[in-house]
N, C-alpha and C. Protein backbone atom coordinates (compact mmCIF):
# COMPACT_ATOMS: atom_id res chain seq x y z
N ASP A 1 0.86 -1.19 0.00
CA ASP A 1 0.00 0.00 0.00
C ASP A 1 0.90 1.24 0.00
N THR A 2 0.85 1.98 -1.08
CA THR A 2 1.66 3.20 -1.16
C THR A 2 0.81 4.46 -1.29
N GLY A 3 -0.50 4.29 -1.32
CA GLY A 3 -1.39 5.45 -1.48
C GLY A 3 -1.98 5.90 -0.17
N ALA A 4 -1.96 7.21 0.04
CA ALA A 4 -2.57 7.80 1.24
C ALA A 4 -4.09 7.73 1.13
N PRO A 5 -4.79 7.82 2.25
CA PRO A 5 -6.26 7.84 2.19
C PRO A 5 -6.74 8.96 1.26
N THR A 6 -7.68 8.60 0.39
CA THR A 6 -8.18 9.59 -0.59
C THR A 6 -9.31 10.43 -0.02
N THR A 7 -9.98 9.94 0.99
CA THR A 7 -11.02 10.71 1.67
C THR A 7 -10.57 10.94 3.10
N CYS A 8 -10.59 12.21 3.50
CA CYS A 8 -10.21 12.57 4.86
C CYS A 8 -10.88 13.90 5.18
N ARG A 9 -12.01 13.82 5.85
CA ARG A 9 -12.75 15.05 6.14
C ARG A 9 -13.50 14.92 7.47
N MET A 10 -13.98 16.07 7.95
CA MET A 10 -14.73 16.09 9.20
C MET A 10 -15.89 17.05 9.11
N ASN A 11 -16.80 16.89 10.03
CA ASN A 11 -17.98 17.73 10.15
C ASN A 11 -18.06 18.14 11.62
N LEU A 12 -18.23 19.42 11.87
CA LEU A 12 -18.35 19.91 13.24
C LEU A 12 -19.78 20.33 13.52
N ALA A 13 -20.29 19.98 14.69
CA ALA A 13 -21.63 20.39 15.15
C ALA A 13 -22.70 20.11 14.11
N GLY A 14 -22.63 18.95 13.48
CA GLY A 14 -23.65 18.57 12.51
C GLY A 14 -23.67 19.44 11.27
N GLY A 15 -22.59 20.13 10.99
CA GLY A 15 -22.53 20.99 9.82
C GLY A 15 -23.04 22.40 10.04
N ALA A 16 -23.35 22.73 11.29
CA ALA A 16 -23.85 24.09 11.58
C ALA A 16 -22.77 25.12 11.23
N PRO A 17 -23.18 26.27 10.69
CA PRO A 17 -22.18 27.30 10.37
C PRO A 17 -21.65 28.02 11.61
N ALA A 18 -22.43 27.98 12.70
CA ALA A 18 -22.03 28.69 13.92
C ALA A 18 -22.52 27.93 15.15
N VAL A 19 -21.80 28.12 16.26
CA VAL A 19 -22.17 27.52 17.54
C VAL A 19 -21.97 28.55 18.64
N ASN A 20 -22.61 28.30 19.80
CA ASN A 20 -22.44 29.22 20.93
C ASN A 20 -21.77 28.53 22.12
N THR A 21 -21.10 27.43 21.86
CA THR A 21 -20.37 26.70 22.89
C THR A 21 -19.04 26.22 22.32
N THR A 22 -18.03 26.09 23.17
CA THR A 22 -16.73 25.66 22.67
C THR A 22 -16.65 24.16 22.44
N ASP A 23 -17.50 23.36 23.09
CA ASP A 23 -17.48 21.92 22.91
C ASP A 23 -18.45 21.52 21.80
N VAL A 24 -17.91 20.92 20.74
CA VAL A 24 -18.73 20.57 19.58
C VAL A 24 -18.55 19.10 19.22
N ALA A 25 -19.62 18.51 18.73
CA ALA A 25 -19.58 17.12 18.27
C ALA A 25 -18.81 17.07 16.95
N VAL A 26 -18.14 15.95 16.73
CA VAL A 26 -17.32 15.75 15.53
C VAL A 26 -17.79 14.49 14.83
N ALA A 27 -17.88 14.55 13.50
CA ALA A 27 -18.10 13.37 12.68
C ALA A 27 -16.93 13.30 11.70
N LEU A 28 -16.29 12.14 11.61
CA LEU A 28 -15.12 11.97 10.76
C LEU A 28 -15.45 11.05 9.59
N ASP A 29 -14.75 11.26 8.48
CA ASP A 29 -14.93 10.42 7.30
C ASP A 29 -13.56 10.17 6.70
N SER A 30 -13.16 8.90 6.62
CA SER A 30 -11.88 8.52 6.04
C SER A 30 -12.08 7.31 5.14
N SER A 31 -11.34 7.29 4.03
CA SER A 31 -11.42 6.13 3.14
C SER A 31 -10.69 4.92 3.73
N ASP A 32 -9.99 5.12 4.84
CA ASP A 32 -9.32 4.01 5.53
C ASP A 32 -9.73 4.01 7.00
N PRO A 33 -10.91 3.45 7.31
CA PRO A 33 -11.40 3.48 8.70
C PRO A 33 -10.57 2.65 9.67
N ALA A 34 -9.61 1.89 9.20
CA ALA A 34 -8.74 1.13 10.10
C ALA A 34 -7.54 1.97 10.53
N GLY A 35 -7.42 3.18 9.98
CA GLY A 35 -6.26 4.02 10.25
C GLY A 35 -6.43 4.95 11.43
N GLN A 36 -5.73 6.08 11.37
CA GLN A 36 -5.75 7.05 12.45
C GLN A 36 -6.01 8.45 11.89
N VAL A 37 -6.37 9.36 12.79
CA VAL A 37 -6.59 10.76 12.40
C VAL A 37 -5.80 11.68 13.32
N TRP A 38 -5.52 12.87 12.82
CA TRP A 38 -4.81 13.92 13.55
C TRP A 38 -5.66 15.17 13.42
N LEU A 39 -6.07 15.74 14.55
CA LEU A 39 -6.85 16.97 14.56
C LEU A 39 -6.02 18.07 15.21
N SER A 40 -6.04 19.25 14.61
CA SER A 40 -5.28 20.37 15.15
C SER A 40 -5.92 21.68 14.68
N GLY A 41 -5.32 22.77 15.06
CA GLY A 41 -5.81 24.08 14.64
C GLY A 41 -6.32 24.87 15.82
N ASP A 42 -7.48 25.51 15.64
CA ASP A 42 -8.07 26.36 16.69
C ASP A 42 -8.82 25.50 17.69
N VAL A 43 -8.06 24.65 18.37
CA VAL A 43 -8.62 23.72 19.35
C VAL A 43 -7.89 23.88 20.68
N ASP A 44 -8.57 23.49 21.74
CA ASP A 44 -8.01 23.58 23.09
C ASP A 44 -7.30 22.27 23.42
N ALA A 45 -6.10 22.37 23.92
CA ALA A 45 -5.34 21.16 24.28
C ALA A 45 -6.05 20.33 25.34
N ALA A 46 -6.95 20.95 26.11
CA ALA A 46 -7.70 20.23 27.15
C ALA A 46 -8.97 19.58 26.59
N SER A 47 -9.10 19.52 25.29
CA SER A 47 -10.27 18.92 24.66
C SER A 47 -10.44 17.47 25.11
N ALA A 48 -11.70 17.04 25.29
CA ALA A 48 -11.97 15.64 25.65
C ALA A 48 -11.49 14.72 24.53
N LEU A 49 -11.63 15.15 23.29
CA LEU A 49 -11.13 14.40 22.14
C LEU A 49 -9.67 14.82 21.95
N PRO A 50 -8.73 13.89 22.02
CA PRO A 50 -7.32 14.26 21.92
C PRO A 50 -7.00 15.02 20.62
N VAL A 51 -6.15 16.02 20.72
CA VAL A 51 -5.73 16.83 19.58
C VAL A 51 -4.21 16.86 19.51
N ASP A 52 -3.71 17.23 18.34
CA ASP A 52 -2.27 17.33 18.10
C ASP A 52 -1.54 16.01 18.38
N GLN A 53 -2.21 14.91 18.04
CA GLN A 53 -1.62 13.58 18.14
C GLN A 53 -2.44 12.61 17.29
N TRP A 54 -1.82 11.51 16.89
CA TRP A 54 -2.55 10.50 16.13
C TRP A 54 -3.46 9.72 17.08
N ILE A 55 -4.72 9.56 16.69
CA ILE A 55 -5.68 8.78 17.48
C ILE A 55 -6.38 7.80 16.54
N ALA A 56 -6.88 6.72 17.10
CA ALA A 56 -7.59 5.73 16.29
C ALA A 56 -8.82 6.37 15.65
N TYR A 57 -9.05 6.04 14.39
CA TYR A 57 -10.20 6.57 13.66
C TYR A 57 -11.49 5.99 14.22
N THR A 58 -12.45 6.86 14.49
CA THR A 58 -13.82 6.49 14.85
C THR A 58 -14.72 7.47 14.14
N ALA A 59 -15.69 6.98 13.38
CA ALA A 59 -16.54 7.87 12.58
C ALA A 59 -17.26 8.91 13.43
N SER A 60 -17.74 8.49 14.60
CA SER A 60 -18.44 9.40 15.50
C SER A 60 -17.84 9.29 16.89
N PRO A 61 -16.76 10.01 17.15
CA PRO A 61 -16.13 9.92 18.48
C PRO A 61 -17.11 10.25 19.59
N ALA A 62 -16.98 9.55 20.72
CA ALA A 62 -17.87 9.81 21.86
C ALA A 62 -17.56 11.14 22.51
N GLN A 63 -16.32 11.61 22.41
CA GLN A 63 -15.92 12.85 23.04
C GLN A 63 -16.13 14.03 22.08
N ASP A 64 -16.41 15.18 22.67
CA ASP A 64 -16.51 16.41 21.88
C ASP A 64 -15.13 17.00 21.67
N LEU A 65 -15.03 17.80 20.64
CA LEU A 65 -13.82 18.58 20.38
C LEU A 65 -14.03 19.95 21.00
N ARG A 66 -13.04 20.44 21.74
CA ARG A 66 -13.15 21.76 22.36
C ARG A 66 -12.42 22.78 21.48
N LEU A 67 -13.17 23.78 21.03
CA LEU A 67 -12.59 24.87 20.25
C LEU A 67 -11.78 25.78 21.16
N SER A 68 -10.85 26.50 20.59
CA SER A 68 -10.05 27.44 21.37
C SER A 68 -10.93 28.59 21.86
N ALA A 69 -10.49 29.24 22.94
CA ALA A 69 -11.26 30.32 23.55
C ALA A 69 -11.35 31.52 22.62
N GLY A 70 -12.36 32.33 22.84
CA GLY A 70 -12.53 33.57 22.09
C GLY A 70 -13.46 33.40 20.90
N ASP A 71 -14.40 34.30 20.77
CA ASP A 71 -15.33 34.25 19.65
C ASP A 71 -14.60 34.50 18.33
N GLY A 72 -15.20 34.00 17.27
CA GLY A 72 -14.66 34.22 15.93
C GLY A 72 -14.64 32.93 15.14
N VAL A 73 -14.11 33.00 13.93
CA VAL A 73 -14.02 31.84 13.05
C VAL A 73 -12.92 30.91 13.57
N LYS A 74 -13.25 29.65 13.70
CA LYS A 74 -12.30 28.63 14.14
C LYS A 74 -12.03 27.69 12.96
N THR A 75 -10.76 27.39 12.74
CA THR A 75 -10.36 26.47 11.68
C THR A 75 -9.76 25.23 12.33
N VAL A 76 -10.30 24.07 11.97
CA VAL A 76 -9.80 22.80 12.50
C VAL A 76 -9.26 21.99 11.32
N THR A 77 -8.04 21.49 11.49
CA THR A 77 -7.36 20.74 10.43
C THR A 77 -7.41 19.26 10.76
N ILE A 78 -7.53 18.45 9.70
CA ILE A 78 -7.56 16.99 9.85
C ILE A 78 -6.57 16.37 8.86
N LYS A 79 -5.87 15.33 9.32
CA LYS A 79 -5.06 14.48 8.46
C LYS A 79 -5.43 13.04 8.80
N CYS A 80 -5.38 12.18 7.80
CA CYS A 80 -5.67 10.76 8.01
C CYS A 80 -4.45 9.94 7.61
N MET A 81 -4.22 8.86 8.36
CA MET A 81 -3.11 7.96 8.07
C MET A 81 -3.66 6.54 7.98
N ASP A 82 -3.29 5.83 6.93
CA ASP A 82 -3.75 4.45 6.80
C ASP A 82 -2.85 3.52 7.61
N VAL A 83 -3.18 2.25 7.65
CA VAL A 83 -2.43 1.30 8.48
C VAL A 83 -1.02 1.10 7.96
N ALA A 84 -0.74 1.45 6.71
CA ALA A 84 0.61 1.33 6.15
C ALA A 84 1.47 2.56 6.46
N GLY A 85 0.86 3.59 7.09
CA GLY A 85 1.61 4.79 7.44
C GLY A 85 1.56 5.89 6.40
N ASN A 86 0.74 5.75 5.36
CA ASN A 86 0.59 6.79 4.34
C ASN A 86 -0.34 7.87 4.88
N VAL A 87 0.07 9.13 4.77
CA VAL A 87 -0.68 10.25 5.33
C VAL A 87 -1.31 11.08 4.22
N SER A 88 -2.57 11.40 4.41
CA SER A 88 -3.30 12.22 3.44
C SER A 88 -2.82 13.67 3.50
N THR A 89 -3.19 14.43 2.49
CA THR A 89 -2.98 15.87 2.59
C THR A 89 -3.95 16.40 3.64
N ALA A 90 -3.59 17.51 4.24
CA ALA A 90 -4.42 18.09 5.30
C ALA A 90 -5.70 18.68 4.70
N GLY A 91 -6.79 18.47 5.40
CA GLY A 91 -8.05 19.10 5.07
C GLY A 91 -8.46 19.97 6.25
N PHE A 92 -9.44 20.80 6.04
CA PHE A 92 -9.87 21.64 7.17
C PHE A 92 -11.34 21.98 7.03
N THR A 93 -11.90 22.41 8.14
CA THR A 93 -13.25 22.94 8.17
C THR A 93 -13.27 24.13 9.10
N THR A 94 -14.23 25.02 8.88
CA THR A 94 -14.34 26.19 9.73
C THR A 94 -15.73 26.24 10.36
N ILE A 95 -15.79 26.88 11.51
CA ILE A 95 -17.05 27.09 12.20
C ILE A 95 -16.92 28.39 12.99
N LEU A 96 -18.01 29.11 13.12
CA LEU A 96 -17.99 30.37 13.84
C LEU A 96 -18.42 30.14 15.28
N LEU A 97 -17.59 30.56 16.22
CA LEU A 97 -17.94 30.52 17.65
C LEU A 97 -18.48 31.89 18.02
N ASP A 98 -19.75 31.94 18.42
CA ASP A 98 -20.42 33.20 18.74
C ASP A 98 -21.16 33.04 20.06
N ARG A 99 -20.56 33.52 21.15
CA ARG A 99 -21.18 33.41 22.47
C ARG A 99 -21.75 34.74 22.96
N MET A 100 -21.70 35.76 22.11
CA MET A 100 -22.20 37.08 22.48
C MET A 100 -23.67 37.20 22.04
N PRO A 101 -24.59 37.45 22.97
CA PRO A 101 -26.00 37.57 22.59
C PRO A 101 -26.24 38.88 21.82
N PRO A 102 -27.30 38.93 21.05
CA PRO A 102 -27.65 40.17 20.35
C PRO A 102 -27.93 41.29 21.36
N ALA A 103 -27.81 42.51 20.91
CA ALA A 103 -28.11 43.68 21.75
C ALA A 103 -29.09 44.57 20.99
N GLY A 104 -29.90 45.32 21.71
CA GLY A 104 -30.83 46.21 21.04
C GLY A 104 -31.90 46.71 21.97
N TYR A 105 -33.03 47.09 21.39
CA TYR A 105 -34.12 47.64 22.19
C TYR A 105 -35.47 47.35 21.54
N VAL A 106 -36.52 47.56 22.35
CA VAL A 106 -37.90 47.32 21.94
C VAL A 106 -38.65 48.63 22.09
N SER A 107 -39.51 48.95 21.13
CA SER A 107 -40.40 50.10 21.32
C SER A 107 -41.82 49.68 20.98
N ILE A 108 -42.78 50.29 21.68
CA ILE A 108 -44.20 49.98 21.50
C ILE A 108 -44.87 51.17 20.83
N ASN A 109 -45.59 50.88 19.75
CA ASN A 109 -46.29 51.92 18.98
C ASN A 109 -45.38 53.13 18.74
N ALA A 110 -44.23 52.86 18.15
CA ALA A 110 -43.25 53.90 17.77
C ALA A 110 -42.81 54.76 18.95
N GLY A 111 -42.74 54.17 20.14
CA GLY A 111 -42.26 54.89 21.32
C GLY A 111 -43.31 55.76 21.98
N ALA A 112 -44.57 55.49 21.74
CA ALA A 112 -45.65 56.28 22.35
C ALA A 112 -45.59 56.20 23.87
N ASP A 113 -45.92 57.31 24.53
CA ASP A 113 -45.93 57.35 26.00
C ASP A 113 -47.09 56.55 26.58
N TYR A 114 -48.17 56.46 25.85
CA TYR A 114 -49.32 55.67 26.28
C TYR A 114 -50.10 55.22 25.05
N VAL A 115 -50.93 54.21 25.24
CA VAL A 115 -51.79 53.70 24.16
C VAL A 115 -53.19 53.51 24.73
N GLN A 116 -54.16 53.53 23.84
CA GLN A 116 -55.54 53.33 24.26
C GLN A 116 -56.13 52.07 23.65
N VAL A 117 -55.26 51.22 23.15
CA VAL A 117 -55.69 49.96 22.54
C VAL A 117 -54.92 48.82 23.17
N LYS A 118 -55.51 47.66 23.13
CA LYS A 118 -54.86 46.48 23.71
C LYS A 118 -53.80 45.91 22.76
N ASP A 119 -54.09 45.88 21.46
CA ASP A 119 -53.16 45.31 20.48
C ASP A 119 -52.26 46.40 19.92
N VAL A 120 -50.96 46.22 20.06
CA VAL A 120 -49.99 47.26 19.69
C VAL A 120 -49.00 46.73 18.66
N THR A 121 -48.24 47.64 18.09
CA THR A 121 -47.13 47.28 17.21
C THR A 121 -45.84 47.37 18.00
N VAL A 122 -45.12 46.28 18.04
CA VAL A 122 -43.84 46.23 18.76
C VAL A 122 -42.73 46.25 17.72
N THR A 123 -41.83 47.21 17.84
CA THR A 123 -40.68 47.30 16.94
C THR A 123 -39.46 46.77 17.66
N LEU A 124 -38.80 45.80 17.05
CA LEU A 124 -37.62 45.17 17.62
C LEU A 124 -36.40 45.64 16.84
N THR A 125 -35.49 46.30 17.50
CA THR A 125 -34.27 46.76 16.85
C THR A 125 -33.10 46.07 17.56
N TRP A 126 -32.63 45.00 16.95
CA TRP A 126 -31.59 44.17 17.56
C TRP A 126 -30.45 43.99 16.60
N PHE A 127 -29.24 43.87 17.14
CA PHE A 127 -28.03 43.76 16.34
C PHE A 127 -27.20 42.58 16.81
N ASP A 128 -26.57 41.92 15.88
CA ASP A 128 -25.58 40.88 16.18
C ASP A 128 -24.62 40.87 15.00
N ASP A 129 -23.42 41.36 15.22
CA ASP A 129 -22.48 41.52 14.11
C ASP A 129 -21.83 40.22 13.65
N ARG A 130 -22.08 39.11 14.33
CA ARG A 130 -21.47 37.85 13.91
C ARG A 130 -22.44 36.96 13.14
N THR A 131 -23.56 36.63 13.75
CA THR A 131 -24.48 35.68 13.11
C THR A 131 -25.83 36.27 12.78
N GLY A 132 -26.07 37.51 13.18
CA GLY A 132 -27.36 38.12 12.90
C GLY A 132 -28.42 37.65 13.89
N VAL A 133 -29.58 38.21 13.77
CA VAL A 133 -30.72 37.84 14.62
C VAL A 133 -31.72 37.13 13.72
N SER A 134 -32.14 35.94 14.11
CA SER A 134 -33.05 35.18 13.26
C SER A 134 -34.38 34.85 13.94
N LYS A 135 -34.40 34.72 15.24
CA LYS A 135 -35.62 34.32 15.96
C LYS A 135 -35.77 35.14 17.23
N TYR A 136 -37.00 35.20 17.75
CA TYR A 136 -37.25 35.91 18.99
C TYR A 136 -38.47 35.33 19.69
N LYS A 137 -38.60 35.69 20.98
CA LYS A 137 -39.80 35.39 21.77
C LYS A 137 -40.12 36.64 22.57
N LEU A 138 -41.40 36.92 22.74
CA LEU A 138 -41.85 38.05 23.56
C LEU A 138 -42.69 37.53 24.71
N ALA A 139 -42.77 38.35 25.77
CA ALA A 139 -43.63 38.06 26.91
C ALA A 139 -44.12 39.39 27.47
N ASN A 140 -45.20 39.35 28.23
CA ASN A 140 -45.80 40.55 28.81
C ASN A 140 -45.53 40.70 30.29
N ASP A 141 -45.44 41.95 30.72
CA ASP A 141 -45.45 42.36 32.13
C ASP A 141 -44.51 41.61 33.04
N GLY A 142 -43.23 41.67 32.72
CA GLY A 142 -42.21 41.13 33.60
C GLY A 142 -42.02 39.63 33.53
N THR A 143 -42.86 38.94 32.79
CA THR A 143 -42.66 37.51 32.59
C THR A 143 -41.55 37.34 31.56
N LEU A 144 -40.57 36.51 31.85
CA LEU A 144 -39.50 36.29 30.89
C LEU A 144 -39.91 35.21 29.90
N PRO A 145 -39.58 35.41 28.62
CA PRO A 145 -39.87 34.36 27.64
C PRO A 145 -39.11 33.08 27.99
N ASP A 146 -39.71 31.94 27.74
CA ASP A 146 -39.08 30.65 28.00
C ASP A 146 -38.14 30.31 26.85
N CYS A 147 -36.93 30.86 26.88
CA CYS A 147 -35.99 30.70 25.78
C CYS A 147 -35.37 29.31 25.73
N ALA A 148 -35.43 28.57 26.83
CA ALA A 148 -34.87 27.22 26.85
C ALA A 148 -35.75 26.25 26.06
N ASN A 149 -37.02 26.58 25.92
CA ASN A 149 -37.96 25.76 25.16
C ASN A 149 -37.86 26.16 23.69
N ALA A 150 -37.55 25.20 22.83
CA ALA A 150 -37.33 25.49 21.41
C ALA A 150 -38.62 25.88 20.67
N THR A 151 -39.77 25.59 21.25
CA THR A 151 -41.02 25.93 20.57
C THR A 151 -41.42 27.37 20.88
N GLY A 152 -42.17 27.96 20.00
CA GLY A 152 -42.71 29.29 20.23
C GLY A 152 -41.86 30.43 19.72
N TYR A 153 -40.69 30.15 19.16
CA TYR A 153 -39.88 31.22 18.58
C TYR A 153 -40.54 31.72 17.29
N GLN A 154 -40.40 33.00 17.04
CA GLN A 154 -40.92 33.61 15.81
C GLN A 154 -39.74 34.06 14.96
N ASN A 155 -39.92 34.08 13.64
CA ASN A 155 -38.87 34.59 12.76
C ASN A 155 -38.73 36.09 12.97
N TYR A 156 -37.50 36.56 13.09
CA TYR A 156 -37.23 37.97 13.33
C TYR A 156 -37.49 38.76 12.05
N THR A 157 -38.40 39.73 12.16
CA THR A 157 -38.69 40.62 11.03
C THR A 157 -38.50 42.07 11.40
N GLY A 158 -38.37 42.36 12.68
CA GLY A 158 -38.20 43.73 13.14
C GLY A 158 -39.49 44.36 13.63
N THR A 159 -40.63 43.84 13.20
CA THR A 159 -41.92 44.40 13.61
C THR A 159 -42.89 43.28 13.96
N VAL A 160 -43.59 43.46 15.08
CA VAL A 160 -44.64 42.53 15.49
C VAL A 160 -45.93 43.34 15.53
N ASN A 161 -46.83 43.05 14.61
CA ASN A 161 -48.12 43.74 14.57
C ASN A 161 -49.12 43.03 15.46
N ASN A 162 -50.01 43.80 16.07
CA ASN A 162 -51.11 43.26 16.87
C ASN A 162 -50.65 42.42 18.06
N TRP A 163 -49.56 42.86 18.74
CA TRP A 163 -49.14 42.17 19.96
C TRP A 163 -50.14 42.50 21.05
N PRO A 164 -50.73 41.48 21.69
CA PRO A 164 -51.76 41.73 22.71
C PRO A 164 -51.16 42.05 24.09
N LEU A 165 -51.37 43.26 24.56
CA LEU A 165 -50.99 43.62 25.92
C LEU A 165 -52.03 43.06 26.88
N VAL A 166 -51.68 42.99 28.17
CA VAL A 166 -52.65 42.59 29.18
C VAL A 166 -53.77 43.63 29.17
N ASP A 167 -55.01 43.17 29.15
CA ASP A 167 -56.16 44.06 29.00
C ASP A 167 -56.56 44.67 30.34
N ALA A 168 -55.76 45.64 30.78
CA ALA A 168 -56.03 46.36 32.03
C ALA A 168 -55.27 47.68 31.98
N GLU A 169 -55.77 48.67 32.69
CA GLU A 169 -55.08 49.95 32.70
C GLU A 169 -53.81 49.88 33.53
N GLY A 170 -52.86 50.73 33.18
CA GLY A 170 -51.60 50.79 33.92
C GLY A 170 -50.40 50.57 33.01
N THR A 171 -49.26 50.65 33.60
CA THR A 171 -48.00 50.46 32.85
C THR A 171 -47.86 49.01 32.43
N ARG A 172 -47.49 48.82 31.18
CA ARG A 172 -47.30 47.49 30.62
C ARG A 172 -45.88 47.38 30.11
N THR A 173 -45.29 46.18 30.22
CA THR A 173 -43.93 45.92 29.77
C THR A 173 -43.93 44.74 28.81
N VAL A 174 -43.21 44.89 27.71
CA VAL A 174 -43.01 43.78 26.77
C VAL A 174 -41.53 43.41 26.86
N THR A 175 -41.27 42.14 27.13
CA THR A 175 -39.90 41.65 27.30
C THR A 175 -39.53 40.75 26.13
N LEU A 176 -38.34 40.94 25.63
CA LEU A 176 -37.83 40.13 24.52
C LEU A 176 -36.89 39.08 25.06
């Protein structure tokens, strides 16, 4: 055997373009599954999945790979070696680490001091310079939205028409 593995690639976090945690799942693909792999790059040496050393190939390692600290684009390099010692050319994949939440503000009926209707227009002005804002949840009067629950998110459009306030007089709060 004089040929290096022809397939040597990886997938991080199921192919997601961005993550908000440093520990990510890894899926490996090699044309020589009896060989070994070498992972390096923007990774933490304390990763549960060993890095910067040859390890036995496993398509779906049980351990996560820990990305290096600090938000931004992370590049992870992979090399594969077959049982004869032939090493593939290096391949790589990138993923964006974004742990900074969006920032912004909410206004009701264009910033009106008071309203005389129950259903209002809520304007959401939110910014995220890394991954953008794609979804949101709202709640009324000091109740926090259940963000841990994946259901109930709405697509971010910047404006919510006919948001129902609590039907009673007094100060009302809409929380994002």
